[in-house]
Amino acid sequence: METRTPSSRWTDESILDLIRKLRNDLIKDFLDERFLKEYFSENFNLRDISNVKIEFIKKDLKELLLSPVDTTRYQPIIDQVKELDSASIAEGNEQLFYKEIEGVLKRYAY
């Protein structure tokens, strides 16, 4: 039987669902080729990225879409949602989402 604190409406499962949705929405943004190229240009100073690299990146991002949420990586958000009983993600925590995606992108940045 699942135990929850009386004041919290968030279960571990619902928090992970929230994180998964936010992460997957961001990944889907990166699956847009225009967004991906713009991100590479602004963040990696790469003006041209080959179509082959783009396809490999998309493949890896699609695999990330299917992967489970890394609870260790997102523990600060999990704790925040439990503590504040709110789904709002504090500024700074959004970087956790970008860091996970950048882990994929950096493999193809050079």
PDB file of N, CA and C in Angstrom:
ATOM      1  N   MET A   1       0.828  -1.172   0.000  1.00  0.00           N
ATOM      2  CA  MET A   1       0.000   0.000   0.000  1.00  0.00           C
ATOM      3  C   MET A   1       0.880   1.245   0.000  1.00  0.00           C
ATOM      4  N   GLU A   2       0.518   2.186  -0.822  1.00  0.00           N
ATOM      5  CA  GLU A   2       1.311   3.403  -0.962  1.00  0.00           C
ATOM      6  C   GLU A   2       1.011   4.355   0.192  1.00  0.00           C
ATOM      7  N   THR A   3       2.074   4.928   0.736  1.00  0.00           N
ATOM      8  CA  THR A   3       1.881   5.891   1.813  1.00  0.00           C
ATOM      9  C   THR A   3       2.234   7.272   1.301  1.00  0.00           C
ATOM     10  N   ARG A   4       1.422   8.237   1.684  1.00  0.00           N
ATOM     11  CA  ARG A   4       1.670   9.620   1.303  1.00  0.00           C
ATOM     12  C   ARG A   4       1.532  10.481   2.543  1.00  0.00           C
ATOM     13  N   THR A   5       2.232  11.598   2.507  1.00  0.00           N
ATOM     14  CA  THR A   5       2.024  12.533   3.592  1.00  0.00           C
ATOM     15  C   THR A   5       0.646  13.144   3.401  1.00  0.00           C
ATOM     16  N   PRO A   6      -0.081  13.383   4.456  1.00  0.00           N
ATOM     17  CA  PRO A   6      -1.457  13.862   4.326  1.00  0.00           C
ATOM     18  C   PRO A   6      -1.589  15.163   3.541  1.00  0.00           C
ATOM     19  N   SER A   7      -0.588  16.034   3.582  1.00  0.00           N
ATOM     20  CA  SER A   7      -0.702  17.324   2.927  1.00  0.00           C
ATOM     21  C   SER A   7      -0.308  17.282   1.447  1.00  0.00           C
ATOM     22  N   SER A   8       0.261  16.196   0.997  1.00  0.00           N
ATOM     23  CA  SER A   8       0.738  16.136  -0.381  1.00  0.00           C
ATOM     24  C   SER A   8      -0.211  15.351  -1.267  1.00  0.00           C
ATOM     25  N   ARG A   9      -0.484  15.929  -2.418  1.00  0.00           N
ATOM     26  CA  ARG A   9      -1.312  15.218  -3.396  1.00  0.00           C
ATOM     27  C   ARG A   9      -0.450  14.502  -4.419  1.00  0.00           C
ATOM     28  N   TRP A  10       0.872  14.585  -4.245  1.00  0.00           N
ATOM     29  CA  TRP A  10       1.806  14.021  -5.208  1.00  0.00           C
ATOM     30  C   TRP A  10       2.345  12.678  -4.730  1.00  0.00           C
ATOM     31  N   THR A  11       2.166  11.672  -5.561  1.00  0.00           N
ATOM     32  CA  THR A  11       2.770  10.370  -5.294  1.00  0.00           C
ATOM     33  C   THR A  11       4.091  10.311  -6.062  1.00  0.00           C
ATOM     34  N   ASP A  12       4.923   9.360  -5.712  1.00  0.00           N
ATOM     35  CA  ASP A  12       6.173   9.201  -6.449  1.00  0.00           C
ATOM     36  C   ASP A  12       5.889   8.979  -7.930  1.00  0.00           C
ATOM     37  N   GLU A  13       4.892   8.189  -8.215  1.00  0.00           N
ATOM     38  CA  GLU A  13       4.546   7.891  -9.607  1.00  0.00           C
ATOM     39  C   GLU A  13       4.078   9.142 -10.343  1.00  0.00           C
ATOM     40  N   SER A  14       3.258   9.959  -9.707  1.00  0.00           N
ATOM     41  CA  SER A  14       2.770  11.166 -10.381  1.00  0.00           C
ATOM     42  C   SER A  14       3.893  12.182 -10.594  1.00  0.00           C
ATOM     43  N   ILE A  15       4.838  12.242  -9.667  1.00  0.00           N
ATOM     44  CA  ILE A  15       5.989  13.132  -9.831  1.00  0.00           C
ATOM     45  C   ILE A  15       6.838  12.662 -11.008  1.00  0.00           C
ATOM     46  N   LEU A  16       7.095  11.369 -11.082  1.00  0.00           N
ATOM     47  CA  LEU A  16       7.883  10.832 -12.201  1.00  0.00           C
ATOM     48  C   LEU A  16       7.160  11.033 -13.530  1.00  0.00           C
ATOM     49  N   ASP A  17       5.844  10.921 -13.525  1.00  0.00           N
ATOM     50  CA  ASP A  17       5.070  11.180 -14.742  1.00  0.00           C
ATOM     51  C   ASP A  17       5.226  12.634 -15.182  1.00  0.00           C
ATOM     52  N   LEU A  18       5.193  13.551 -14.219  1.00  0.00           N
ATOM     53  CA  LEU A  18       5.383  14.966 -14.519  1.00  0.00           C
ATOM     54  C   LEU A  18       6.762  15.209 -15.119  1.00  0.00           C
ATOM     55  N   ILE A  19       7.789  14.657 -14.485  1.00  0.00           N
ATOM     56  CA  ILE A  19       9.161  14.832 -14.976  1.00  0.00           C
ATOM     57  C   ILE A  19       9.307  14.226 -16.365  1.00  0.00           C
ATOM     58  N   ARG A  20       8.765  13.035 -16.561  1.00  0.00           N
ATOM     59  CA  ARG A  20       8.836  12.369 -17.868  1.00  0.00           C
ATOM     60  C   ARG A  20       8.172  13.222 -18.944  1.00  0.00           C
ATOM     61  N   LYS A  21       7.006  13.806 -18.628  1.00  0.00           N
ATOM     62  CA  LYS A  21       6.309  14.639 -19.603  1.00  0.00           C
ATOM     63  C   LYS A  21       7.138  15.875 -19.949  1.00  0.00           C
ATOM     64  N   LEU A  22       7.673  16.551 -18.950  1.00  0.00           N
ATOM     65  CA  LEU A  22       8.483  17.744 -19.207  1.00  0.00           C
ATOM     66  C   LEU A  22       9.738  17.391 -20.012  1.00  0.00           C
ATOM     67  N   ARG A  23      10.397  16.301 -19.611  1.00  0.00           N
ATOM     68  CA  ARG A  23      11.605  15.865 -20.331  1.00  0.00           C
ATOM     69  C   ARG A  23      11.265  15.510 -21.770  1.00  0.00           C
ATOM     70  N   ASN A  24      10.211  14.746 -21.969  1.00  0.00           N
ATOM     71  CA  ASN A  24       9.856  14.299 -23.311  1.00  0.00           C
ATOM     72  C   ASN A  24       9.396  15.455 -24.189  1.00  0.00           C
ATOM     73  N   ASP A  25       8.714  16.447 -23.618  1.00  0.00           N
ATOM     74  CA  ASP A  25       8.332  17.629 -24.396  1.00  0.00           C
ATOM     75  C   ASP A  25       9.574  18.363 -24.890  1.00  0.00           C
ATOM     76  N   LEU A  26      10.575  18.469 -24.037  1.00  0.00           N
ATOM     77  CA  LEU A  26      11.816  19.128 -24.441  1.00  0.00           C
ATOM     78  C   LEU A  26      12.546  18.313 -25.504  1.00  0.00           C
ATOM     79  N   ILE A  27      12.587  17.006 -25.338  1.00  0.00           N
ATOM     80  CA  ILE A  27      13.223  16.145 -26.345  1.00  0.00           C
ATOM     81  C   ILE A  27      12.530  16.327 -27.695  1.00  0.00           C
ATOM     82  N   LYS A  28      11.218  16.400 -27.685  1.00  0.00           N
ATOM     83  CA  LYS A  28      10.470  16.570 -28.940  1.00  0.00           C
ATOM     84  C   LYS A  28      10.824  17.890 -29.610  1.00  0.00           C
ATOM     85  N   ASP A  29      11.103  18.925 -28.815  1.00  0.00           N
ATOM     86  CA  ASP A  29      11.569  20.183 -29.401  1.00  0.00           C
ATOM     87  C   ASP A  29      12.869  19.959 -30.168  1.00  0.00           C
ATOM     88  N   PHE A  30      13.753  19.157 -29.593  1.00  0.00           N
ATOM     89  CA  PHE A  30      15.043  18.900 -30.236  1.00  0.00           C
ATOM     90  C   PHE A  30      14.913  17.987 -31.453  1.00  0.00           C
ATOM     91  N   LEU A  31      13.833  17.273 -31.571  1.00  0.00           N
ATOM     92  CA  LEU A  31      13.620  16.445 -32.757  1.00  0.00           C
ATOM     93  C   LEU A  31      13.232  17.293 -33.967  1.00  0.00           C
ATOM     94  N   ASP A  32      12.876  18.542 -33.730  1.00  0.00           N
ATOM     95  CA  ASP A  32      12.630  19.495 -34.812  1.00  0.00           C
ATOM     96  C   ASP A  32      13.992  19.947 -35.335  1.00  0.00           C
ATOM     97  N   GLU A  33      14.258  19.651 -36.572  1.00  0.00           N
ATOM     98  CA  GLU A  33      15.574  19.907 -37.158  1.00  0.00           C
ATOM     99  C   GLU A  33      15.986  21.378 -37.079  1.00  0.00           C
ATOM    100  N   ARG A  34      15.044  22.280 -37.294  1.00  0.00           N
ATOM    101  CA  ARG A  34      15.366  23.711 -37.228  1.00  0.00           C
ATOM    102  C   ARG A  34      15.815  24.098 -35.824  1.00  0.00           C
ATOM    103  N   PHE A  35      15.094  23.621 -34.817  1.00  0.00           N
ATOM    104  CA  PHE A  35      15.452  23.917 -33.425  1.00  0.00           C
ATOM    105  C   PHE A  35      16.813  23.318 -33.092  1.00  0.00           C
ATOM    106  N   LEU A  36      17.027  22.098 -33.536  1.00  0.00           N
ATOM    107  CA  LEU A  36      18.292  21.404 -33.273  1.00  0.00           C
ATOM    108  C   LEU A  36      19.472  22.164 -33.881  1.00  0.00           C
ATOM    109  N   LYS A  37      19.332  22.572 -35.135  1.00  0.00           N
ATOM    110  CA  LYS A  37      20.411  23.316 -35.795  1.00  0.00           C
ATOM    111  C   LYS A  37      20.665  24.651 -35.108  1.00  0.00           C
ATOM    112  N   GLU A  38      19.604  25.332 -34.723  1.00  0.00           N
ATOM    113  CA  GLU A  38      19.747  26.616 -34.028  1.00  0.00           C
ATOM    114  C   GLU A  38      20.446  26.423 -32.680  1.00  0.00           C
ATOM    115  N   TYR A  39      20.082  25.369 -31.966  1.00  0.00           N
ATOM    116  CA  TYR A  39      20.700  25.090 -30.670  1.00  0.00           C
ATOM    117  C   TYR A  39      22.191  24.800 -30.834  1.00  0.00           C
ATOM    118  N   PHE A  40      22.536  24.003 -31.819  1.00  0.00           N
ATOM    119  CA  PHE A  40      23.948  23.701 -32.090  1.00  0.00           C
ATOM    120  C   PHE A  40      24.710  24.970 -32.440  1.00  0.00           C
ATOM    121  N   SER A  41      24.100  25.820 -33.240  1.00  0.00           N
ATOM    122  CA  SER A  41      24.755  27.060 -33.644  1.00  0.00           C
ATOM    123  C   SER A  41      25.006  27.969 -32.441  1.00  0.00           C
ATOM    124  N   GLU A  42      24.013  28.113 -31.583  1.00  0.00           N
ATOM    125  CA  GLU A  42      24.121  29.021 -30.440  1.00  0.00           C
ATOM    126  C   GLU A  42      24.963  28.461 -29.300  1.00  0.00           C
ATOM    127  N   ASN A  43      24.882  27.151 -29.066  1.00  0.00           N
ATOM    128  CA  ASN A  43      25.511  26.579 -27.876  1.00  0.00           C
ATOM    129  C   ASN A  43      26.831  25.865 -28.138  1.00  0.00           C
ATOM    130  N   PHE A  44      27.044  25.434 -29.370  1.00  0.00           N
ATOM    131  CA  PHE A  44      28.273  24.716 -29.694  1.00  0.00           C
ATOM    132  C   PHE A  44      29.073  25.434 -30.790  1.00  0.00           C
ATOM    133  N   ASN A  45      28.567  26.603 -31.210  1.00  0.00           N
ATOM    134  CA  ASN A  45      29.215  27.397 -32.247  1.00  0.00           C
ATOM    135  C   ASN A  45      29.443  26.593 -33.526  1.00  0.00           C
ATOM    136  N   LEU A  46      28.495  25.740 -33.841  1.00  0.00           N
ATOM    137  CA  LEU A  46      28.542  24.949 -35.074  1.00  0.00           C
ATOM    138  C   LEU A  46      27.480  25.468 -36.032  1.00  0.00           C
ATOM    139  N   ARG A  47      27.919  26.023 -37.126  1.00  0.00           N
ATOM    140  CA  ARG A  47      26.982  26.580 -38.109  1.00  0.00           C
ATOM    141  C   ARG A  47      26.392  25.482 -38.995  1.00  0.00           C
ATOM    142  N   ASP A  48      27.221  24.546 -39.364  1.00  0.00           N
ATOM    143  CA  ASP A  48      26.757  23.466 -40.240  1.00  0.00           C
ATOM    144  C   ASP A  48      26.908  22.138 -39.519  1.00  0.00           C
ATOM    145  N   ILE A  49      25.831  21.410 -39.513  1.00  0.00           N
ATOM    146  CA  ILE A  49      25.868  20.057 -38.962  1.00  0.00           C
ATOM    147  C   ILE A  49      25.320  19.139 -40.053  1.00  0.00           C
ATOM    148  N   SER A  50      26.028  18.076 -40.297  1.00  0.00           N
ATOM    149  CA  SER A  50      25.660  17.209 -41.419  1.00  0.00           C
ATOM    150  C   SER A  50      24.329  16.507 -41.176  1.00  0.00           C
ATOM    151  N   ASN A  51      23.684  16.163 -42.272  1.00  0.00           N
ATOM    152  CA  ASN A  51      22.415  15.433 -42.187  1.00  0.00           C
ATOM    153  C   ASN A  51      22.601  14.078 -41.520  1.00  0.00           C
ATOM    154  N   VAL A  52      23.759  13.479 -41.725  1.00  0.00           N
ATOM    155  CA  VAL A  52      24.037  12.176 -41.102  1.00  0.00           C
ATOM    156  C   VAL A  52      24.071  12.329 -39.577  1.00  0.00           C
ATOM    157  N   LYS A  53      24.772  13.362 -39.094  1.00  0.00           N
ATOM    158  CA  LYS A  53      24.815  13.606 -37.654  1.00  0.00           C
ATOM    159  C   LYS A  53      23.420  13.885 -37.106  1.00  0.00           C
ATOM    160  N   ILE A  54      22.663  14.661 -37.837  1.00  0.00           N
ATOM    161  CA  ILE A  54      21.300  14.974 -37.397  1.00  0.00           C
ATOM    162  C   ILE A  54      20.480  13.696 -37.237  1.00  0.00           C
ATOM    163  N   GLU A  55      20.603  12.787 -38.181  1.00  0.00           N
ATOM    164  CA  GLU A  55      19.852  11.532 -38.088  1.00  0.00           C
ATOM    165  C   GLU A  55      20.293  10.690 -36.888  1.00  0.00           C
ATOM    166  N   PHE A  56      21.592  10.664 -36.623  1.00  0.00           N
ATOM    167  CA  PHE A  56      22.091   9.937 -35.451  1.00  0.00           C
ATOM    168  C   PHE A  56      21.601  10.588 -34.155  1.00  0.00           C
ATOM    169  N   ILE A  57      21.615  11.902 -34.123  1.00  0.00           N
ATOM    170  CA  ILE A  57      21.131  12.613 -32.935  1.00  0.00           C
ATOM    171  C   ILE A  57      19.657  12.308 -32.709  1.00  0.00           C
ATOM    172  N   LYS A  58      18.876  12.372 -33.769  1.00  0.00           N
ATOM    173  CA  LYS A  58      17.447  12.076 -33.658  1.00  0.00           C
ATOM    174  C   LYS A  58      17.211  10.653 -33.162  1.00  0.00           C
ATOM    175  N   LYS A  59      17.999   9.719 -33.653  1.00  0.00           N
ATOM    176  CA  LYS A  59      17.868   8.331 -33.213  1.00  0.00           C
ATOM    177  C   LYS A  59      18.138   8.229 -31.711  1.00  0.00           C
ATOM    178  N   ASP A  60      19.212   8.863 -31.260  1.00  0.00           N
ATOM    179  CA  ASP A  60      19.553   8.825 -29.839  1.00  0.00           C
ATOM    180  C   ASP A  60      18.504   9.534 -28.986  1.00  0.00           C
ATOM    181  N   LEU A  61      17.965  10.636 -29.489  1.00  0.00           N
ATOM    182  CA  LEU A  61      16.932  11.354 -28.743  1.00  0.00           C
ATOM    183  C   LEU A  61      15.648  10.531 -28.644  1.00  0.00           C
ATOM    184  N   LYS A  62      15.322   9.809 -29.706  1.00  0.00           N
ATOM    185  CA  LYS A  62      14.135   8.947 -29.666  1.00  0.00           C
ATOM    186  C   LYS A  62      14.324   7.825 -28.652  1.00  0.00           C
ATOM    187  N   GLU A  63      15.542   7.320 -28.538  1.00  0.00           N
ATOM    188  CA  GLU A  63      15.826   6.304 -27.517  1.00  0.00           C
ATOM    189  C   GLU A  63      15.686   6.907 -26.120  1.00  0.00           C
ATOM    190  N   LEU A  64      16.129   8.139 -25.955  1.00  0.00           N
ATOM    191  CA  LEU A  64      15.996   8.821 -24.677  1.00  0.00           C
ATOM    192  C   LEU A  64      14.522   9.025 -24.324  1.00  0.00           C
ATOM    193  N   LEU A  65      13.700   9.294 -25.325  1.00  0.00           N
ATOM    194  CA  LEU A  65      12.256   9.431 -25.106  1.00  0.00           C
ATOM    195  C   LEU A  65      11.662   8.189 -24.455  1.00  0.00           C
ATOM    196  N   LEU A  66      12.173   7.037 -24.859  1.00  0.00           N
ATOM    197  CA  LEU A  66      11.637   5.768 -24.370  1.00  0.00           C
ATOM    198  C   LEU A  66      12.246   5.319 -23.042  1.00  0.00           C
ATOM    199  N   SER A  67      13.338   5.945 -22.664  1.00  0.00           N
ATOM    200  CA  SER A  67      14.036   5.511 -21.453  1.00  0.00           C
ATOM    201  C   SER A  67      13.322   5.998 -20.193  1.00  0.00           C
ATOM    202  N   PRO A  68      13.481   5.253 -19.106  1.00  0.00           N
ATOM    203  CA  PRO A  68      12.857   5.685 -17.845  1.00  0.00           C
ATOM    204  C   PRO A  68      13.557   6.929 -17.289  1.00  0.00           C
ATOM    205  N   VAL A  69      12.869   7.636 -16.428  1.00  0.00           N
ATOM    206  CA  VAL A  69      13.425   8.821 -15.785  1.00  0.00           C
ATOM    207  C   VAL A  69      14.513   8.394 -14.815  1.00  0.00           C
ATOM    208  N   ASP A  70      15.641   9.060 -14.894  1.00  0.00           N
ATOM    209  CA  ASP A  70      16.759   8.821 -13.974  1.00  0.00           C
ATOM    210  C   ASP A  70      16.443   9.538 -12.658  1.00  0.00           C
ATOM    211  N   THR A  71      15.979   8.777 -11.669  1.00  0.00           N
ATOM    212  CA  THR A  71      15.554   9.389 -10.409  1.00  0.00           C
ATOM    213  C   THR A  71      16.703  10.069  -9.670  1.00  0.00           C
ATOM    214  N   THR A  72      17.906   9.592  -9.849  1.00  0.00           N
ATOM    215  CA  THR A  72      19.053  10.234  -9.200  1.00  0.00           C
ATOM    216  C   THR A  72      19.280  11.619  -9.797  1.00  0.00           C
ATOM    217  N   ARG A  73      19.249  11.722 -11.096  1.00  0.00           N
ATOM    218  CA  ARG A  73      19.448  13.003 -11.785  1.00  0.00           C
ATOM    219  C   ARG A  73      18.382  14.017 -11.369  1.00  0.00           C
ATOM    220  N   TYR A  74      17.136  13.564 -11.279  1.00  0.00           N
ATOM    221  CA  TYR A  74      16.018  14.462 -11.037  1.00  0.00           C
ATOM    222  C   TYR A  74      15.586  14.527  -9.568  1.00  0.00           C
ATOM    223  N   GLN A  75      16.404  14.007  -8.667  1.00  0.00           N
ATOM    224  CA  GLN A  75      16.054  14.014  -7.241  1.00  0.00           C
ATOM    225  C   GLN A  75      15.747  15.415  -6.701  1.00  0.00           C
ATOM    226  N   PRO A  76      16.496  16.448  -7.102  1.00  0.00           N
ATOM    227  CA  PRO A  76      16.141  17.793  -6.604  1.00  0.00           C
ATOM    228  C   PRO A  76      14.708  18.204  -6.961  1.00  0.00           C
ATOM    229  N   ILE A  77      14.260  17.848  -8.153  1.00  0.00           N
ATOM    230  CA  ILE A  77      12.894  18.190  -8.557  1.00  0.00           C
ATOM    231  C   ILE A  77      11.891  17.347  -7.784  1.00  0.00           C
ATOM    232  N   ILE A  78      12.184  16.079  -7.632  1.00  0.00           N
ATOM    233  CA  ILE A  78      11.305  15.190  -6.873  1.00  0.00           C
ATOM    234  C   ILE A  78      11.123  15.737  -5.457  1.00  0.00           C
ATOM    235  N   ASP A  79      12.232  16.103  -4.826  1.00  0.00           N
ATOM    236  CA  ASP A  79      12.170  16.643  -3.463  1.00  0.00           C
ATOM    237  C   ASP A  79      11.392  17.955  -3.421  1.00  0.00           C
ATOM    238  N   GLN A  80      11.604  18.800  -4.412  1.00  0.00           N
ATOM    239  CA  GLN A  80      10.936  20.100  -4.462  1.00  0.00           C
ATOM    240  C   GLN A  80       9.422  19.933  -4.587  1.00  0.00           C
ATOM    241  N   VAL A  81       8.986  19.050  -5.466  1.00  0.00           N
ATOM    242  CA  VAL A  81       7.545  18.841  -5.660  1.00  0.00           C
ATOM    243  C   VAL A  81       6.928  18.311  -4.376  1.00  0.00           C
ATOM    244  N   LYS A  82       7.608  17.382  -3.719  1.00  0.00           N
ATOM    245  CA  LYS A  82       7.094  16.838  -2.457  1.00  0.00           C
ATOM    246  C   LYS A  82       7.030  17.906  -1.375  1.00  0.00           C
ATOM    247  N   GLU A  83       8.086  18.690  -1.283  1.00  0.00           N
ATOM    248  CA  GLU A  83       8.171  19.698  -0.228  1.00  0.00           C
ATOM    249  C   GLU A  83       7.158  20.828  -0.416  1.00  0.00           C
ATOM    250  N   LEU A  84       7.048  21.313  -1.650  1.00  0.00           N
ATOM    251  CA  LEU A  84       6.179  22.452  -1.918  1.00  0.00           C
ATOM    252  C   LEU A  84       4.759  22.049  -2.309  1.00  0.00           C
ATOM    253  N   ASP A  85       4.551  20.758  -2.545  1.00  0.00           N
ATOM    254  CA  ASP A  85       3.260  20.246  -3.000  1.00  0.00           C
ATOM    255  C   ASP A  85       2.793  21.027  -4.232  1.00  0.00           C
ATOM    256  N   SER A  86       3.749  21.253  -5.142  1.00  0.00           N
ATOM    257  CA  SER A  86       3.473  22.052  -6.328  1.00  0.00           C
ATOM    258  C   SER A  86       4.226  21.472  -7.519  1.00  0.00           C
ATOM    259  N   ALA A  87       3.626  21.607  -8.692  1.00  0.00           N
ATOM    260  CA  ALA A  87       4.246  21.091  -9.914  1.00  0.00           C
ATOM    261  C   ALA A  87       5.144  22.120 -10.582  1.00  0.00           C
ATOM    262  N   SER A  88       5.236  23.318 -10.022  1.00  0.00           N
ATOM    263  CA  SER A  88       6.083  24.319 -10.661  1.00  0.00           C
ATOM    264  C   SER A  88       7.545  23.948 -10.467  1.00  0.00           C
ATOM    265  N   ILE A  89       8.282  24.074 -11.530  1.00  0.00           N
ATOM    266  CA  ILE A  89       9.703  23.727 -11.513  1.00  0.00           C
ATOM    267  C   ILE A  89      10.491  25.022 -11.354  1.00  0.00           C
ATOM    268  N   ALA A  90      11.269  25.082 -10.289  1.00  0.00           N
ATOM    269  CA  ALA A  90      12.047  26.292 -10.024  1.00  0.00           C
ATOM    270  C   ALA A  90      13.083  26.504 -11.115  1.00  0.00           C
ATOM    271  N   GLU A  91      13.333  27.773 -11.382  1.00  0.00           N
ATOM    272  CA  GLU A  91      14.365  28.107 -12.347  1.00  0.00           C
ATOM    273  C   GLU A  91      15.677  27.506 -11.854  1.00  0.00           C
ATOM    274  N   GLY A  92      16.443  26.991 -12.736  1.00  0.00           N
ATOM    275  CA  GLY A  92      17.668  26.299 -12.350  1.00  0.00           C
ATOM    276  C   GLY A  92      17.469  24.801 -12.461  1.00  0.00           C
ATOM    277  N   ASN A  93      16.323  24.324 -11.990  1.00  0.00           N
ATOM    278  CA  ASN A  93      16.032  22.891 -12.140  1.00  0.00           C
ATOM    279  C   ASN A  93      15.779  22.528 -13.590  1.00  0.00           C
ATOM    280  N   GLU A  94      15.339  23.508 -14.381  1.00  0.00           N
ATOM    281  CA  GLU A  94      15.115  23.227 -15.804  1.00  0.00           C
ATOM    282  C   GLU A  94      16.422  22.824 -16.478  1.00  0.00           C
ATOM    283  N   GLN A  95      17.537  23.279 -15.913  1.00  0.00           N
ATOM    284  CA  GLN A  95      18.843  22.916 -16.471  1.00  0.00           C
ATOM    285  C   GLN A  95      19.096  21.413 -16.379  1.00  0.00           C
ATOM    286  N   LEU A  96      18.479  20.746 -15.416  1.00  0.00           N
ATOM    287  CA  LEU A  96      18.624  19.287 -15.317  1.00  0.00           C
ATOM    288  C   LEU A  96      18.131  18.612 -16.595  1.00  0.00           C
ATOM    289  N   PHE A  97      17.044  19.133 -17.154  1.00  0.00           N
ATOM    290  CA  PHE A  97      16.491  18.578 -18.384  1.00  0.00           C
ATOM    291  C   PHE A  97      17.451  18.810 -19.553  1.00  0.00           C
ATOM    292  N   TYR A  98      17.970  20.023 -19.633  1.00  0.00           N
ATOM    293  CA  TYR A  98      18.897  20.349 -20.717  1.00  0.00           C
ATOM    294  C   TYR A  98      20.198  19.553 -20.602  1.00  0.00           C
ATOM    295  N   LYS A  99      20.677  19.357 -19.387  1.00  0.00           N
ATOM    296  CA  LYS A  99      21.930  18.605 -19.206  1.00  0.00           C
ATOM    297  C   LYS A  99      21.794  17.186 -19.731  1.00  0.00           C
ATOM    298  N   GLU A 100      20.660  16.564 -19.486  1.00  0.00           N
ATOM    299  CA  GLU A 100      20.460  15.196 -19.969  1.00  0.00           C
ATOM    300  C   GLU A 100      20.498  15.161 -21.493  1.00  0.00           C
ATOM    301  N   ILE A 101      19.841  16.102 -22.131  1.00  0.00           N
ATOM    302  CA  ILE A 101      19.819  16.151 -23.595  1.00  0.00           C
ATOM    303  C   ILE A 101      21.185  16.540 -24.142  1.00  0.00           C
ATOM    304  N   GLU A 102      21.843  17.475 -23.480  1.00  0.00           N
ATOM    305  CA  GLU A 102      23.173  17.880 -23.935  1.00  0.00           C
ATOM    306  C   GLU A 102      24.169  16.728 -23.870  1.00  0.00           C
ATOM    307  N   GLY A 103      23.941  15.784 -22.977  1.00  0.00           N
ATOM    308  CA  GLY A 103      24.784  14.598 -22.941  1.00  0.00           C
ATOM    309  C   GLY A 103      24.751  13.859 -24.265  1.00  0.00           C
ATOM    310  N   VAL A 104      23.605  13.836 -24.901  1.00  0.00           N
ATOM    311  CA  VAL A 104      23.465  13.216 -26.228  1.00  0.00           C
ATOM    312  C   VAL A 104      24.101  14.115 -27.281  1.00  0.00           C
ATOM    313  N   LEU A 105      23.801  15.391 -27.228  1.00  0.00           N
ATOM    314  CA  LEU A 105      24.255  16.318 -28.268  1.00  0.00           C
ATOM    315  C   LEU A 105      25.764  16.461 -28.301  1.00  0.00           C
ATOM    316  N   LYS A 106      26.407  16.465 -27.150  1.00  0.00           N
ATOM    317  CA  LYS A 106      27.859  16.660 -27.100  1.00  0.00           C
ATOM    318  C   LYS A 106      28.616  15.572 -27.825  1.00  0.00           C
ATOM    319  N   ARG A 107      28.034  14.378 -27.909  1.00  0.00           N
ATOM    320  CA  ARG A 107      28.707  13.287 -28.636  1.00  0.00           C
ATOM    321  C   ARG A 107      28.874  13.623 -30.108  1.00  0.00           C
ATOM    322  N   TYR A 108      28.028  14.519 -30.613  1.00  0.00           N
ATOM    323  CA  TYR A 108      28.042  14.834 -32.039  1.00  0.00           C
ATOM    324  C   TYR A 108      28.492  16.268 -32.320  1.00  0.00           C
ATOM    325  N   ALA A 109      28.933  16.964 -31.308  1.00  0.00           N
ATOM    326  CA  ALA A 109      29.265  18.381 -31.474  1.00  0.00           C
ATOM    327  C   ALA A 109      30.609  18.600 -32.152  1.00  0.00           C
ATOM    328  N   TYR A 110      31.440  17.575 -32.204  1.00  0.00           N
ATOM    329  CA  TYR A 110      32.781  17.788 -32.755  1.00  0.00           C
ATOM    330  C   TYR A 110      33.135  16.782 -33.809  1.00  0.00           C
TER     331      TYR A 110
END
